[in-house]
Amino acid sequence: MSQLLLNLRHVPEDEADEVRALLEGNAIAWYETEPNRWGISAGAIWIREDGQFERARALMDEYQAQRGAAARQAWAAARREGTARTFWAQLRHSPLRVLLILIGIILCAALSLWPLLLAAW
């Protein structure tokens, strides 16, 4: 029976391509389901044979560890160079946008806490 290896929701296309190539390169039988029209399912990569799932999972874990390490190194390099998108960099770049987002967060918090505040009085 097929087993889910990777849900493609919020997965960048380059990562999905690399996973497909990883499976192909290691002769693991897989197939992909497409996302549906209404956004309920984002699509996925499935392993066809149960016997290959453990090997695919081990390869996937190794790949994700390498990708995570590369992302952390890229983030550290961007911070050293001063090009990282931090809160303060966002605030300097687009203060109105940041202000509107903060106002939205405060409004959501206020609306969520309103019944609690009314009950306390």
Protein backbone atom coordinates (compact mmCIF):
# COMPACT_ATOMS: atom_id res chain seq x y z
CA MET A 1 0.00 0.00 0.00
CA SER A 2 1.25 3.51 -0.78
CA GLN A 3 2.59 5.70 1.99
CA LEU A 4 2.82 9.48 2.17
CA LEU A 5 6.36 10.80 2.00
CA LEU A 6 5.85 14.53 1.52
CA ASN A 7 2.80 16.77 1.66
CA LEU A 8 3.41 19.53 -0.88
CA ARG A 9 1.57 22.28 1.01
CA HIS A 10 3.94 25.26 1.41
CA VAL A 11 6.80 23.32 -0.22
CA PRO A 12 8.86 25.44 -2.64
CA GLU A 13 9.02 24.08 -6.17
CA ASP A 14 12.81 23.70 -6.06
CA GLU A 15 12.55 21.50 -2.96
CA ALA A 16 9.85 19.34 -4.56
CA ASP A 17 12.02 18.97 -7.68
CA GLU A 18 15.01 17.95 -5.57
CA VAL A 19 12.93 15.33 -3.73
CA ARG A 20 11.66 13.93 -7.03
CA ALA A 21 15.24 13.73 -8.33
CA LEU A 22 16.38 12.09 -5.08
CA LEU A 23 13.75 9.38 -5.40
CA GLU A 24 14.50 8.84 -9.09
CA GLY A 25 18.24 8.69 -8.42
CA ASN A 26 17.76 6.01 -5.78
CA ALA A 27 15.34 3.91 -7.87
CA ILE A 28 12.43 4.35 -5.47
CA ALA A 29 9.00 3.91 -7.05
CA TRP A 30 6.85 6.97 -6.33
CA TYR A 31 3.94 8.96 -7.68
CA GLU A 32 2.54 12.40 -7.11
CA THR A 33 -1.02 13.55 -6.51
CA GLU A 34 -1.99 16.95 -7.83
CA PRO A 35 -3.63 19.63 -5.68
CA ASN A 36 -7.37 19.90 -6.08
CA ARG A 37 -9.17 22.96 -7.40
CA TRP A 38 -10.60 24.14 -4.10
CA GLY A 39 -7.37 24.10 -2.10
CA ILE A 40 -8.42 21.31 0.26
CA SER A 41 -5.54 19.09 -0.85
CA ALA A 42 -2.15 20.55 -1.77
CA GLY A 43 -0.86 17.44 -3.47
CA ALA A 44 1.70 14.98 -2.20
CA ILE A 45 4.52 12.64 -3.07
CA TRP A 46 3.75 9.01 -2.25
CA ILE A 47 5.95 5.91 -2.12
CA ARG A 48 4.38 3.01 -4.06
CA GLU A 49 5.87 0.05 -2.21
CA ASP A 50 5.91 -0.42 1.55
CA GLY A 51 9.34 -2.04 1.43
CA GLN A 52 10.89 1.11 0.00
CA PHE A 53 9.27 3.55 2.41
CA GLU A 54 11.86 3.17 5.21
CA ARG A 55 14.70 3.77 2.76
CA ALA A 56 12.88 6.76 1.25
CA ARG A 57 12.21 8.15 4.74
CA ALA A 58 15.90 7.82 5.66
CA LEU A 59 16.92 9.58 2.43
CA MET A 60 14.33 12.28 3.07
CA ASP A 61 15.55 12.83 6.63
CA GLU A 62 19.13 13.19 5.40
CA TYR A 63 18.05 15.55 2.61
CA GLN A 64 16.03 17.73 4.98
CA ALA A 65 18.93 17.91 7.45
CA GLN A 66 21.24 19.07 4.64
CA ARG A 67 18.68 21.58 3.37
CA GLY A 68 18.10 22.91 6.88
CA ALA A 69 21.83 23.34 7.47
CA ALA A 70 22.18 25.17 4.15
CA ALA A 71 19.26 27.46 5.03
CA ARG A 72 20.77 28.24 8.44
CA GLN A 73 24.12 29.02 6.80
CA ALA A 74 22.43 31.28 4.25
CA TRP A 75 20.55 33.08 7.05
CA ALA A 76 23.76 33.54 9.06
CA ALA A 77 25.56 34.88 5.98
CA ALA A 78 22.69 37.29 5.26
CA ARG A 79 22.79 38.52 8.87
CA ARG A 80 26.56 39.06 8.69
CA GLU A 81 26.17 40.98 5.43
CA GLY A 82 23.23 42.98 6.76
CA THR A 83 20.83 41.78 4.04
CA ALA A 84 18.65 39.58 6.28
CA ARG A 85 14.97 40.56 6.43
CA THR A 86 14.64 41.24 10.15
CA PHE A 87 11.81 43.13 11.84
CA TRP A 88 13.87 46.30 12.02
CA ALA A 89 14.88 46.02 8.36
CA GLN A 90 11.21 45.60 7.43
CA LEU A 91 10.32 48.60 9.58
CA ARG A 92 12.93 50.76 7.84
CA HIS A 93 11.95 49.51 4.38
CA SER A 94 8.15 49.84 4.67
CA PRO A 95 7.06 51.47 7.93
CA LEU A 96 3.43 51.96 6.86
CA ARG A 97 2.99 48.28 6.05
CA VAL A 98 4.50 47.22 9.39
CA LEU A 99 2.32 49.74 11.23
CA LEU A 100 -0.85 48.46 9.54
CA ILE A 101 0.07 44.86 10.35
CA LEU A 102 0.69 45.76 14.00
CA ILE A 103 -2.65 47.59 14.17
CA GLY A 104 -4.33 44.49 12.69
CA ILE A 105 -2.70 42.27 15.29
CA ILE A 106 -3.79 44.58 18.11
CA LEU A 107 -7.36 44.68 16.76
CA CYS A 108 -7.51 40.88 16.53
CA ALA A 109 -6.18 40.53 20.06
CA ALA A 110 -8.65 43.14 21.34
CA LEU A 111 -11.60 41.43 19.66
CA SER A 112 -10.51 38.06 21.01
CA LEU A 113 -10.14 39.38 24.55
CA TRP A 114 -13.28 41.56 24.52
CA PRO A 115 -15.63 38.90 25.95
CA LEU A 116 -13.10 38.10 28.67
CA LEU A 117 -12.82 41.78 29.59
CA LEU A 118 -16.60 42.15 29.67
CA ALA A 119 -16.95 39.11 31.93
CA ALA A 120 -14.34 40.49 34.32
CA TRP A 121 -16.29 43.69 34.88
